[in-house]
């Protein structure tokens, strides 16, 4: 497995990480826990060192899963988790990045993850009620105490990133990014490059859509959050097949799968980008990991950009309520 550095932070991770949310939350009934433990440990054997979770995935179940699976391998892996939501009765009840809450979440996450330090601690969403300087200062103190090693932000604007970075250097920004959602290129990439901050794209496969395995006839479980996503409404899925068809044709030219091409495209954008596709299946894990060996030239990227850029993607990426949680300039 190839490795990459997240910006100029000194944090080195596998070129492809593993987003773990779907192992216990978000995409329908959680798979068998023991099979997910085996998958996580197999990922380490395959060279994956970067694992992404959060307290709200479950809630709590995902951190507990990673704690059990990765404790014997702790020195071989980098674990990222997140704070920033208020939880009541097992459900998200708004944002909360007050310093005392950040500390409480950190301590609870350490217990669930069965570790004495968190490698990368993200603010899950920017809380407009708490100055970002207070958030960064709290994480700075947790780093000084040895409980946290690196500070991250998620779905934050360039302005927020700069303000936070001035208090505690930001190691990574995590935001959605893929061939069908490219907004970060125009909004934050220049800032990340300037400040030496890594970028960790979630949903680099468009929540599964760019694999070519989903169409307008796909039936999602009632607990699958894609039911609430406009981009996954049946009519949107039907219209967006045009992008998948184009991606599939290009993939045939490179003798790879559409998923591998989509991941290779993300990896080729910048050397400080580390995508974290999720999966619950070993075959998909192996398919995704093979993408790190797909080499796309500048002309290849231009061809992909021209092809994808000519196709309008239908539907917003989140419901209106969730979309409001993203911090934008």
Protein backbone atom coordinates (compact mmCIF):
# COMPACT_ATOMS: atom_id res chain seq x y z
CA UNK A 1 0.00 0.00 0.00
CA UNK A 2 1.26 3.44 -0.92
CA UNK A 3 1.27 6.16 1.71
CA UNK A 4 0.58 9.88 1.72
CA UNK A 5 1.23 12.78 4.06
CA UNK A 6 -1.75 14.86 5.16
CA UNK A 7 -0.44 18.26 4.15
CA UNK A 8 2.64 19.39 6.05
CA UNK A 9 1.43 17.94 9.35
CA UNK A 10 3.78 14.98 9.48
CA UNK A 11 0.82 12.59 9.73
CA UNK A 12 1.46 9.78 7.26
CA UNK A 13 -1.37 7.42 6.34
CA UNK A 14 -2.24 4.86 3.69
CA UNK A 15 -3.08 6.51 0.37
CA UNK A 16 -6.60 5.18 0.73
CA UNK A 17 -8.33 5.15 4.10
CA UNK A 18 -11.46 3.33 5.20
CA UNK A 19 -14.67 5.13 6.09
CA UNK A 20 -16.33 2.96 8.71
CA UNK A 21 -19.75 4.59 9.18
CA UNK A 22 -21.64 2.05 7.08
CA UNK A 23 -20.44 -0.81 9.25
CA UNK A 24 -22.93 0.21 11.92
CA UNK A 25 -24.95 3.20 10.75
CA UNK A 26 -26.59 5.01 7.86
CA UNK A 27 -26.98 2.47 5.08
CA UNK A 28 -29.61 0.12 6.46
CA UNK A 29 -29.35 -2.62 9.10
CA UNK A 30 -25.87 -2.98 10.56
CA UNK A 31 -23.97 -6.04 9.32
CA UNK A 32 -22.85 -8.78 11.69
CA UNK A 33 -20.37 -7.29 14.14
CA UNK A 34 -17.90 -10.15 14.00
CA UNK A 35 -17.75 -9.99 10.21
CA UNK A 36 -16.99 -6.26 10.44
CA UNK A 37 -14.23 -6.90 12.98
CA UNK A 38 -12.71 -9.38 10.55
CA UNK A 39 -13.04 -6.88 7.69
CA UNK A 40 -11.31 -4.15 9.70
CA UNK A 41 -8.43 -6.43 10.63
CA UNK A 42 -8.15 -7.64 7.04
CA UNK A 43 -7.93 -4.03 5.91
CA UNK A 44 -4.92 -3.58 8.18
CA UNK A 45 -3.37 -6.71 6.67
CA UNK A 46 -3.94 -5.18 3.22
CA UNK A 47 -2.00 -2.08 4.27
CA UNK A 48 -4.78 0.30 5.30
CA UNK A 49 -3.65 2.42 8.24
CA UNK A 50 -6.29 5.20 8.25
CA UNK A 51 -9.73 4.54 9.78
CA UNK A 52 -12.56 7.06 10.09
CA UNK A 53 -15.37 6.98 12.64
CA UNK A 54 -17.48 9.32 14.82
CA UNK A 55 -19.49 9.19 18.02
CA UNK A 56 -22.74 9.81 16.10
CA UNK A 57 -22.30 6.73 13.92
CA UNK A 58 -24.68 4.49 15.74
CA UNK A 59 -24.56 6.53 17.91
CA UNK A 60 -21.50 5.12 19.63
CA UNK A 61 -21.70 1.68 17.99
CA UNK A 62 -19.10 2.48 15.36
CA UNK A 63 -16.48 3.67 17.83
CA UNK A 64 -17.13 0.58 19.96
CA UNK A 65 -16.66 -1.60 16.88
CA UNK A 66 -13.35 0.02 15.98
CA UNK A 67 -12.17 -0.14 19.56
CA UNK A 68 -12.73 -3.88 19.71
CA UNK A 69 -11.33 -4.57 16.24
CA UNK A 70 -8.27 -2.35 16.30
CA UNK A 71 -7.10 -2.46 19.91
CA UNK A 72 -4.68 -5.35 19.19
CA UNK A 73 -3.34 -3.39 16.20
CA UNK A 74 -3.38 0.09 17.75
CA UNK A 75 0.24 1.00 17.03
CA UNK A 76 -0.21 0.15 13.33
CA UNK A 77 -3.20 2.42 12.66
CA UNK A 78 -4.34 6.03 12.61
CA UNK A 79 -7.84 6.53 14.01
CA UNK A 80 -9.90 9.63 13.26
CA UNK A 81 -13.09 10.42 15.14
CA UNK A 82 -15.29 13.48 15.57
CA UNK A 83 -17.09 15.77 17.99
CA UNK A 84 -19.61 18.54 17.55
CA UNK A 85 -23.13 17.12 17.77
CA UNK A 86 -25.54 17.11 20.68
CA UNK A 87 -27.06 13.68 21.30
CA UNK A 88 -30.31 13.09 23.16
CA UNK A 89 -32.00 9.68 23.51
CA UNK A 90 -29.66 8.23 20.92
CA UNK A 91 -30.47 10.85 18.28
CA UNK A 92 -28.79 14.00 17.00
CA UNK A 93 -30.37 17.06 18.59
CA UNK A 94 -28.33 19.89 17.13
CA UNK A 95 -24.76 21.11 17.25
CA UNK A 96 -22.60 21.46 20.35
CA UNK A 97 -18.94 22.46 20.20
CA UNK A 98 -18.74 24.11 23.61
CA UNK A 99 -15.30 23.45 25.14
CA UNK A 100 -16.71 21.38 27.99
CA UNK A 101 -18.64 19.23 25.53
CA UNK A 102 -15.57 18.69 23.35
CA UNK A 103 -13.70 17.44 26.42
CA UNK A 104 -16.55 15.13 27.41
CA UNK A 105 -16.75 13.66 23.92
CA UNK A 106 -12.99 13.16 23.80
CA UNK A 107 -12.94 11.27 27.08
CA UNK A 108 -15.89 9.09 26.08
CA UNK A 109 -14.42 8.37 22.64
CA UNK A 110 -11.12 7.33 24.18
CA UNK A 111 -12.95 4.75 26.29
CA UNK A 112 -15.00 3.40 23.40
CA UNK A 113 -11.96 3.22 21.11
CA UNK A 114 -9.94 1.47 23.84
CA UNK A 115 -7.04 3.83 23.44
CA UNK A 116 -5.33 6.63 25.33
CA UNK A 117 -5.01 8.97 22.34
CA UNK A 118 -6.99 10.00 19.27
CA UNK A 119 -4.81 10.46 16.20
CA UNK A 120 -7.09 12.95 14.43
CA UNK A 121 -9.98 14.72 16.17
CA UNK A 122 -12.36 16.50 13.77
CA UNK A 123 -15.05 19.03 14.49
CA UNK A 124 -17.85 17.19 12.69
CA UNK A 125 -19.69 20.35 11.68
CA UNK A 126 -18.94 24.00 12.42
CA UNK A 127 -21.04 25.33 15.31
CA UNK A 128 -22.01 28.97 14.65
CA UNK A 129 -22.79 29.41 18.36
CA UNK A 130 -19.18 28.77 19.42
CA UNK A 131 -16.25 30.81 18.07
CA UNK A 132 -13.96 28.54 16.09
CA UNK A 133 -11.04 29.99 18.06
CA UNK A 134 -12.53 28.47 21.22
CA UNK A 135 -12.90 25.11 19.49
CA UNK A 136 -9.33 25.16 18.19
CA UNK A 137 -8.03 26.26 21.58
CA UNK A 138 -9.78 23.38 23.32
CA UNK A 139 -8.31 20.83 20.93
CA UNK A 140 -4.91 22.51 21.33
CA UNK A 141 -5.19 21.87 25.07
CA UNK A 142 -6.20 18.23 24.47
CA UNK A 143 -3.13 17.85 22.26
CA UNK A 144 -0.94 19.29 25.02
CA UNK A 145 -2.45 16.75 27.41
CA UNK A 146 -1.62 13.87 25.06
CA UNK A 147 -5.24 12.87 24.48
CA UNK A 148 -5.28 14.07 20.87
CA UNK A 149 -2.49 14.25 18.31
CA UNK A 150 -3.99 16.19 15.39
CA UNK A 151 -6.87 18.61 14.80
CA UNK A 152 -9.28 18.43 11.88
CA UNK A 153 -12.37 20.18 10.54
CA UNK A 154 -15.24 18.86 8.44
CA UNK A 155 -17.31 20.75 5.87
CA UNK A 156 -15.67 24.01 6.95
CA UNK A 157 -15.26 27.12 4.82
CA UNK A 158 -11.91 28.66 3.90
CA UNK A 159 -12.54 31.53 6.31
CA UNK A 160 -13.22 29.17 9.21
CA UNK A 161 -10.18 27.06 8.34
CA UNK A 162 -7.92 30.13 8.49
CA UNK A 163 -9.30 31.27 11.83
CA UNK A 164 -8.91 27.81 13.38
CA UNK A 165 -5.45 27.28 11.90
CA UNK A 166 -4.20 30.50 13.50
CA UNK A 167 -4.92 29.02 16.95
CA UNK A 168 -4.10 25.34 16.40
CA UNK A 169 -2.68 24.07 13.09
CA UNK A 170 -5.31 22.10 11.19
CA UNK A 171 -3.99 18.78 9.91
CA UNK A 172 -6.89 17.84 7.65
CA UNK A 173 -10.21 18.99 6.28
CA UNK A 174 -12.81 16.33 5.65
CA UNK A 175 -15.55 17.17 3.15
CA UNK A 176 -17.52 15.47 0.44
CA UNK A 177 -15.65 15.33 -2.87
CA UNK A 178 -15.96 13.19 -5.98
CA UNK A 179 -16.35 13.38 -9.71
CA UNK A 180 -20.00 14.36 -9.11
CA UNK A 181 -19.38 16.92 -6.30
CA UNK A 182 -16.42 19.18 -7.01
CA UNK A 183 -17.25 22.35 -5.07
CA UNK A 184 -14.20 22.04 -2.73
CA UNK A 185 -11.92 22.71 -5.70
CA UNK A 186 -13.18 26.28 -5.97
CA UNK A 187 -13.89 26.96 -2.30
CA UNK A 188 -11.10 25.45 -0.17
CA UNK A 189 -8.34 23.84 -2.24
CA UNK A 190 -6.25 27.00 -2.56
CA UNK A 191 -6.44 27.57 1.20
CA UNK A 192 -5.48 23.98 1.96
CA UNK A 193 -2.52 24.20 -0.43
CA UNK A 194 -1.34 27.50 1.06
CA UNK A 195 -1.58 26.38 4.69
CA UNK A 196 -0.29 22.84 4.15
CA UNK A 197 -3.50 21.09 5.20
CA UNK A 198 -4.48 17.65 3.98
CA UNK A 199 -7.84 16.85 2.42
CA UNK A 200 -9.87 13.74 3.28
CA UNK A 201 -12.82 13.30 0.90
CA UNK A 202 -15.77 11.35 2.20
CA UNK A 203 -18.19 9.74 -0.26
CA UNK A 204 -15.59 9.66 -3.07
CA UNK A 205 -17.83 7.08 -4.75
CA UNK A 206 -20.94 9.24 -4.47
CA UNK A 207 -22.44 7.11 -1.67
CA UNK A 208 -22.16 4.10 -3.93
CA UNK A 209 -23.73 5.64 -7.00
CA UNK A 210 -20.50 5.96 -8.99
CA UNK A 211 -19.86 2.20 -8.71
CA UNK A 212 -22.56 1.59 -11.31
CA UNK A 213 -24.44 -0.74 -8.96
CA UNK A 214 -27.35 1.63 -8.26
CA UNK A 215 -30.15 2.72 -10.61
CA UNK A 216 -33.70 4.04 -10.38
CA UNK A 217 -34.99 0.56 -9.54
CA UNK A 218 -32.66 0.02 -6.56
CA UNK A 219 -34.65 -0.47 -3.35
CA UNK A 220 -33.05 1.03 -0.24
CA UNK A 221 -33.87 -0.19 3.24
CA UNK A 222 -36.16 2.13 5.22
CA UNK A 223 -33.27 2.98 7.57
CA UNK A 224 -30.94 3.95 4.71
CA UNK A 225 -30.33 7.70 4.92
CA UNK A 226 -30.20 7.96 1.13
CA UNK A 227 -34.02 8.04 1.30
CA UNK A 228 -33.64 11.65 2.48
CA UNK A 229 -31.11 12.69 -0.17
CA UNK A 230 -32.63 14.48 -3.22
CA UNK A 231 -29.83 13.17 -5.43
CA UNK A 232 -31.07 9.64 -4.69
CA UNK A 233 -34.73 10.19 -5.53
CA UNK A 234 -35.73 7.68 -8.25
CA UNK A 235 -36.07 10.33 -10.94
CA UNK A 236 -32.66 11.81 -10.03
CA UNK A 237 -31.03 8.37 -10.07
CA UNK A 238 -32.48 7.75 -13.51
CA UNK A 239 -31.19 11.06 -14.84
CA UNK A 240 -27.78 10.64 -13.21
CA UNK A 241 -27.20 7.33 -14.96
CA UNK A 242 -25.77 9.44 -17.78
CA UNK A 243 -22.74 10.22 -15.62
CA UNK A 244 -22.32 6.59 -14.56
CA UNK A 245 -22.55 5.44 -18.18
CA UNK A 246 -19.80 7.88 -19.18
CA UNK A 247 -17.63 6.79 -16.26
CA UNK A 248 -18.17 3.14 -17.18
CA UNK A 249 -17.08 3.74 -20.78
CA UNK A 250 -13.93 5.51 -19.64
CA UNK A 251 -13.20 2.71 -17.16
CA UNK A 252 -13.28 0.19 -19.99
CA UNK A 253 -10.48 2.10 -21.71
CA UNK A 254 -8.28 1.67 -18.63
CA UNK A 255 -9.37 -1.91 -17.91
CA UNK A 256 -10.61 -0.94 -14.44
CA UNK A 257 -14.00 -0.74 -12.75
CA UNK A 258 -15.97 2.51 -12.54
CA UNK A 259 -15.27 2.62 -8.79
CA UNK A 260 -11.53 2.28 -9.34
CA UNK A 261 -11.56 5.02 -11.96
CA UNK A 262 -13.56 7.34 -9.70
CA UNK A 263 -11.10 6.80 -6.83
CA UNK A 264 -8.07 7.15 -9.11
CA UNK A 265 -9.49 10.47 -10.30
CA UNK A 266 -9.71 11.74 -6.70
CA UNK A 267 -6.21 10.50 -5.86
CA UNK A 268 -4.78 12.21 -8.94
CA UNK A 269 -6.10 15.66 -8.04
CA UNK A 270 -3.48 16.45 -5.38
CA UNK A 271 -0.81 14.44 -3.51
CA UNK A 272 -2.23 15.60 -0.16
CA UNK A 273 -5.67 14.05 -0.79
CA UNK A 274 -6.57 10.80 1.01
CA UNK A 275 -10.08 9.52 0.18
CA UNK A 276 -11.94 7.29 2.63
CA UNK A 277 -14.43 5.12 0.71
CA UNK A 278 -16.53 2.90 2.92
CA UNK A 279 -17.57 -0.70 2.45
CA UNK A 280 -18.83 -3.71 4.34
CA UNK A 281 -17.62 -6.28 1.82
CA UNK A 282 -14.14 -7.73 1.38
CA UNK A 283 -14.46 -7.88 -2.41
CA UNK A 284 -15.27 -4.16 -2.51
CA UNK A 285 -12.39 -3.38 -0.17
CA UNK A 286 -9.95 -5.14 -2.48
CA UNK A 287 -11.49 -3.46 -5.52
CA UNK A 288 -11.12 -0.02 -3.93
CA UNK A 289 -7.57 -0.59 -2.73
CA UNK A 290 -6.47 -1.53 -6.24
CA UNK A 291 -7.32 2.02 -7.32
CA UNK A 292 -4.08 3.31 -5.78
CA UNK A 293 -2.20 1.61 -8.61
CA UNK A 294 -4.25 3.21 -11.40
CA UNK A 295 -2.12 5.93 -12.94
CA UNK A 296 -3.97 8.72 -14.71
CA UNK A 297 -2.01 11.15 -16.87
CA UNK A 298 -2.77 14.84 -17.22
CA UNK A 299 -4.50 14.13 -20.53
CA UNK A 300 -6.53 11.37 -18.87
CA UNK A 301 -7.73 13.84 -16.26
CA UNK A 302 -8.59 16.41 -18.89
CA UNK A 303 -10.66 13.81 -20.73
CA UNK A 304 -12.49 12.81 -17.54
CA UNK A 305 -13.08 16.43 -16.58
CA UNK A 306 -14.47 17.26 -20.00
CA UNK A 307 -16.73 14.21 -20.03
CA UNK A 308 -18.06 14.66 -16.51
CA UNK A 309 -18.26 18.43 -16.82
CA UNK A 310 -20.62 18.15 -19.78
CA UNK A 311 -23.16 16.23 -17.70
CA UNK A 312 -25.41 18.02 -15.24
CA UNK A 313 -25.92 16.11 -11.99
CA UNK A 314 -29.52 16.20 -10.82
CA UNK A 315 -30.50 16.68 -7.18
CA UNK A 316 -28.93 18.27 -4.11
CA UNK A 317 -26.39 16.20 -2.18
CA UNK A 318 -28.26 16.57 1.13
CA UNK A 319 -31.72 17.42 2.38
CA UNK A 320 -32.23 21.12 3.09
CA UNK A 321 -31.98 20.57 6.85
CA UNK A 322 -28.63 18.77 6.62
CA UNK A 323 -27.31 21.12 3.96
CA UNK A 324 -27.66 24.02 6.40
CA UNK A 325 -25.05 22.40 8.66
CA UNK A 326 -22.30 22.89 6.09
CA UNK A 327 -20.18 25.98 6.76
CA UNK A 328 -19.86 28.17 3.69
CA UNK A 329 -18.29 31.56 3.03
